[in-house]
N, C-alpha and C. Protein backbone atom coordinates (compact mmCIF):
# COMPACT_ATOMS: atom_id res chain seq x y z
N UNK A 1 114.18 113.39 87.87
CA UNK A 1 114.73 113.94 89.32
C UNK A 1 116.68 113.71 89.26
N UNK A 2 116.53 114.72 89.78
CA UNK A 2 117.88 114.90 90.17
C UNK A 2 118.40 114.63 91.98
N UNK A 3 119.51 113.82 91.99
CA UNK A 3 119.48 113.43 93.55
C UNK A 3 120.68 114.93 93.94
N UNK A 4 120.26 114.99 95.32
CA UNK A 4 121.45 116.06 95.83
C UNK A 4 122.61 115.31 96.43
N UNK A 5 123.67 116.22 96.54
CA UNK A 5 125.04 115.70 96.80
C UNK A 5 124.98 114.43 98.13
N UNK A 6 124.04 114.93 98.95
CA UNK A 6 123.91 114.06 99.84
C UNK A 6 123.14 112.41 99.81
N UNK A 7 122.45 112.40 98.61
CA UNK A 7 121.83 111.20 98.27
C UNK A 7 122.57 110.34 97.30
N UNK A 8 123.64 111.15 97.03
CA UNK A 8 124.36 110.43 95.89
C UNK A 8 125.59 110.01 96.96
N UNK A 9 125.81 110.46 98.01
CA UNK A 9 126.61 109.76 98.68
C UNK A 9 126.18 108.52 99.73
N UNK A 10 125.01 108.85 99.90
CA UNK A 10 124.64 107.92 100.36
C UNK A 10 124.62 106.78 99.53
N UNK A 11 123.87 106.77 98.16
CA UNK A 11 123.89 105.86 97.38
C UNK A 11 125.10 104.96 97.36
N UNK A 12 126.49 106.07 96.89
CA UNK A 12 127.56 104.95 96.50
C UNK A 12 128.29 104.48 98.27
N UNK A 13 127.83 105.29 99.16
CA UNK A 13 128.28 104.48 100.26
C UNK A 13 127.60 103.38 100.90
N UNK A 14 126.23 103.54 100.43
CA UNK A 14 125.23 101.64 100.16
C UNK A 14 125.79 101.04 99.40
N UNK A 15 126.25 101.23 98.46
CA UNK A 15 126.28 100.06 97.05
C UNK A 15 128.10 99.75 97.91
N UNK A 16 128.55 100.81 98.45
CA UNK A 16 130.03 99.95 98.92
C UNK A 16 129.97 99.38 100.20
N UNK A 17 128.85 99.54 100.73
CA UNK A 17 128.84 98.32 101.96
C UNK A 17 127.99 97.12 101.51
N UNK A 18 127.30 97.25 100.13
CA UNK A 18 126.43 96.03 99.91
C UNK A 18 126.91 95.07 99.05
N UNK A 19 128.13 95.94 98.01
CA UNK A 19 128.37 95.02 96.72
C UNK A 19 129.89 94.75 97.30
N UNK A 20 130.18 93.86 97.17
CA UNK A 20 131.44 93.25 97.53
C UNK A 20 132.82 93.88 96.51
N UNK A 21 134.15 93.47 97.25
CA UNK A 21 134.89 94.36 96.40
C UNK A 21 135.41 93.09 95.77
N UNK A 22 136.17 93.09 94.24
CA UNK A 22 136.12 94.32 93.58
C UNK A 22 134.92 94.05 93.31
N UNK A 23 134.26 95.58 92.43
CA UNK A 23 133.04 95.21 91.49
C UNK A 23 132.87 94.56 90.48
N UNK A 24 133.17 93.88 90.03
CA UNK A 24 133.56 92.95 88.66
C UNK A 24 132.32 93.00 87.87
N UNK A 25 132.46 93.56 86.79
CA UNK A 25 131.05 93.51 85.63
C UNK A 25 130.74 92.00 85.34
N UNK A 26 130.09 91.60 85.34
CA UNK A 26 129.63 90.47 84.81
C UNK A 26 129.95 89.93 83.21
N UNK A 27 129.88 91.07 82.75
CA UNK A 27 130.04 90.73 81.04
C UNK A 27 131.24 90.83 80.68
N UNK A 28 132.31 91.99 80.94
CA UNK A 28 133.34 92.02 80.72
C UNK A 28 134.51 91.55 81.81
N UNK A 29 134.08 91.96 83.16
CA UNK A 29 135.61 91.44 84.09
C UNK A 29 135.88 92.75 84.58
N UNK A 30 135.60 93.89 83.93
CA UNK A 30 136.12 95.47 84.00
C UNK A 30 135.73 95.51 85.79
N UNK A 31 136.63 96.66 86.25
CA UNK A 31 136.11 97.03 87.88
C UNK A 31 135.78 98.62 87.99
N UNK A 32 135.44 99.17 86.92
CA UNK A 32 135.71 101.01 86.70
C UNK A 32 133.80 100.87 85.92
N UNK A 33 133.22 101.42 86.94
CA UNK A 33 132.13 101.79 87.10
C UNK A 33 132.00 103.35 86.84
N UNK A 34 130.62 103.94 86.41
CA UNK A 34 129.98 104.80 86.38
C UNK A 34 129.19 105.14 86.74
N UNK A 35 128.87 106.24 87.30
CA UNK A 35 127.04 106.49 87.63
C UNK A 35 126.73 108.07 87.47
N UNK A 36 125.40 108.18 87.48
CA UNK A 36 124.41 109.98 87.09
C UNK A 36 124.16 109.96 88.37
N UNK A 37 123.94 111.28 88.71
CA UNK A 37 123.17 111.96 90.06
C UNK A 37 121.13 111.75 89.25
N UNK A 38 121.13 111.37 88.50
CA UNK A 38 119.65 111.76 88.16
C UNK A 38 118.90 109.97 88.41
N UNK A 39 117.59 110.17 88.74
CA UNK A 39 116.84 108.98 88.81
C UNK A 39 116.08 108.95 88.07
N UNK A 40 115.73 107.56 87.25
CA UNK A 40 115.16 107.42 85.92
C UNK A 40 114.06 106.41 86.71
N UNK A 41 112.88 106.40 85.61
CA UNK A 41 111.92 105.56 85.84
C UNK A 41 111.51 104.28 85.15
N UNK A 42 111.26 103.25 85.82
CA UNK A 42 110.66 102.32 84.95
C UNK A 42 109.71 101.79 85.04
N UNK A 43 108.32 102.01 84.18
CA UNK A 43 107.03 101.91 84.69
C UNK A 43 106.82 100.38 83.77
N UNK A 44 105.69 99.76 84.39
CA UNK A 44 104.99 98.81 84.31
C UNK A 44 104.27 98.82 82.86
N UNK A 45 104.23 98.14 82.17
CA UNK A 45 103.30 97.93 80.94
C UNK A 45 102.24 98.00 81.68
N UNK A 46 100.93 98.80 80.47
CA UNK A 46 99.91 98.98 80.86
C UNK A 46 98.64 98.74 79.80
N UNK A 47 98.13 97.98 79.64
CA UNK A 47 97.40 97.41 78.60
C UNK A 47 96.23 98.21 78.41
N UNK A 48 96.01 98.32 77.12
CA UNK A 48 95.43 99.50 76.45
C UNK A 48 93.97 99.67 77.17
N UNK A 49 93.02 98.40 77.77
CA UNK A 49 91.98 98.81 78.56
C UNK A 49 92.42 99.04 80.02
N UNK A 50 93.26 99.03 80.58
CA UNK A 50 93.72 99.53 82.11
C UNK A 50 93.73 100.82 81.76
N UNK A 51 93.69 101.36 83.24
CA UNK A 51 94.18 103.08 83.18
C UNK A 51 95.69 103.01 84.06
N UNK A 52 96.11 104.17 83.33
CA UNK A 52 97.59 104.31 83.36
C UNK A 52 97.58 104.62 85.21
N UNK A 53 97.07 104.76 85.70
CA UNK A 53 97.23 104.71 87.26
C UNK A 53 97.27 103.42 87.70
N UNK A 54 96.91 102.07 87.08
CA UNK A 54 97.52 101.07 87.49
C UNK A 54 98.92 100.92 87.54
N UNK A 55 99.76 101.56 86.62
CA UNK A 55 101.25 101.35 86.84
C UNK A 55 102.02 101.48 87.79
N UNK A 56 102.74 100.81 87.72
CA UNK A 56 103.86 101.03 88.71
C UNK A 56 105.06 101.30 88.61
N UNK A 57 105.37 102.30 89.21
CA UNK A 57 107.31 102.96 88.58
C UNK A 57 108.10 102.11 89.98
N UNK A 58 109.23 102.16 89.26
CA UNK A 58 110.51 101.70 89.81
C UNK A 58 111.53 102.90 89.88
N UNK A 59 112.45 103.86 90.92
CA UNK A 59 113.08 104.71 90.64
C UNK A 59 114.17 104.15 90.69
N UNK A 60 114.82 104.40 89.67
CA UNK A 60 116.27 103.28 89.78
C UNK A 60 117.33 104.61 89.18
N UNK A 61 118.37 104.33 89.41
CA UNK A 61 120.06 105.10 89.18
C UNK A 61 120.43 104.09 88.22
N UNK A 62 121.17 104.30 87.52
CA UNK A 62 121.97 103.20 86.47
C UNK A 62 123.61 103.42 87.06
N UNK A 63 124.18 102.30 86.86
CA UNK A 63 125.48 101.91 86.84
C UNK A 63 126.19 101.36 85.47
N UNK A 64 126.93 102.06 85.11
CA UNK A 64 127.55 101.51 83.85
C UNK A 64 128.93 101.28 83.86
N UNK A 65 128.77 100.44 83.39
CA UNK A 65 130.69 99.44 83.18
C UNK A 65 131.34 100.62 82.58
N UNK A 66 132.47 100.87 82.47
CA UNK A 66 133.06 101.91 81.87
C UNK A 66 134.06 101.27 80.38
N UNK A 67 133.72 100.06 80.71
CA UNK A 67 134.46 99.33 79.24
C UNK A 67 133.59 98.74 78.39
N UNK A 68 132.28 98.01 79.03
CA UNK A 68 132.11 97.27 78.13
C UNK A 68 130.48 97.88 77.54
N UNK A 69 129.99 99.00 78.74
CA UNK A 69 128.47 99.58 78.51
C UNK A 69 127.43 98.63 79.90
N UNK A 70 128.10 97.37 80.00
CA UNK A 70 126.74 96.65 80.77
C UNK A 70 126.49 97.90 81.63
N UNK A 71 124.79 97.95 81.72
CA UNK A 71 124.37 99.06 82.80
C UNK A 71 123.27 97.66 83.39
N UNK A 72 123.83 98.21 84.97
CA UNK A 72 122.82 97.50 86.59
C UNK A 72 122.12 98.71 86.47
N UNK A 73 121.14 98.31 86.79
CA UNK A 73 120.26 99.34 87.49
C UNK A 73 119.67 99.31 88.92
N UNK A 74 119.82 100.25 89.77
CA UNK A 74 119.83 100.38 91.42
C UNK A 74 118.35 100.96 91.71
N UNK A 75 117.46 99.99 92.44
CA UNK A 75 116.26 100.94 93.04
C UNK A 75 116.79 101.77 94.19
N UNK A 76 116.40 102.93 94.07
CA UNK A 76 116.83 103.85 95.08
C UNK A 76 115.66 103.80 96.28
N UNK A 77 114.66 103.06 96.25
CA UNK A 77 113.80 103.36 97.21
C UNK A 77 114.57 101.69 98.13
N UNK A 78 114.69 101.01 97.26
CA UNK A 78 115.31 99.44 98.02
C UNK A 78 116.25 99.85 99.44
N UNK A 79 117.24 100.53 98.39
CA UNK A 79 118.57 100.71 99.33
C UNK A 79 118.04 102.06 100.58
N UNK A 80 116.94 102.97 100.21
CA UNK A 80 117.13 103.53 101.09
C UNK A 80 117.61 105.31 100.81
N UNK A 81 117.81 105.23 99.83
CA UNK A 81 118.11 106.64 99.10
C UNK A 81 116.90 107.67 99.08
N UNK A 82 115.94 107.27 98.69
CA UNK A 82 114.36 108.11 98.44
C UNK A 82 114.05 107.60 99.96
N UNK A 83 113.07 108.23 100.55
CA UNK A 83 112.24 107.49 100.95
C UNK A 83 110.80 107.35 100.51
N UNK A 84 110.00 106.42 100.67
CA UNK A 84 108.95 105.33 99.61
C UNK A 84 107.59 106.66 99.20
N UNK A 85 107.50 107.62 99.96
CA UNK A 85 106.71 108.72 99.71
C UNK A 85 106.99 109.39 98.38
N UNK A 86 108.40 109.62 97.90
CA UNK A 86 108.74 110.55 96.98
C UNK A 86 108.73 109.55 95.59
């Protein structure tokens, strides 16, 4: 799913409010990050005997360090960018 411009702005504003400056990469110490306007999903593992309907899905937007590639995944439901019903 692609985020709207308003959702991207809310995402960035929320991160700015919650993540203290400078936003330091824990791997390399860099402070330059990149993100995308696409929501990815991380789905829980479902064993063969279970129904796929039992899977839990997390909607995530990645932040990637421009220096080393370390990637942090932010849950867009938790920070309020998307309402829970989406």
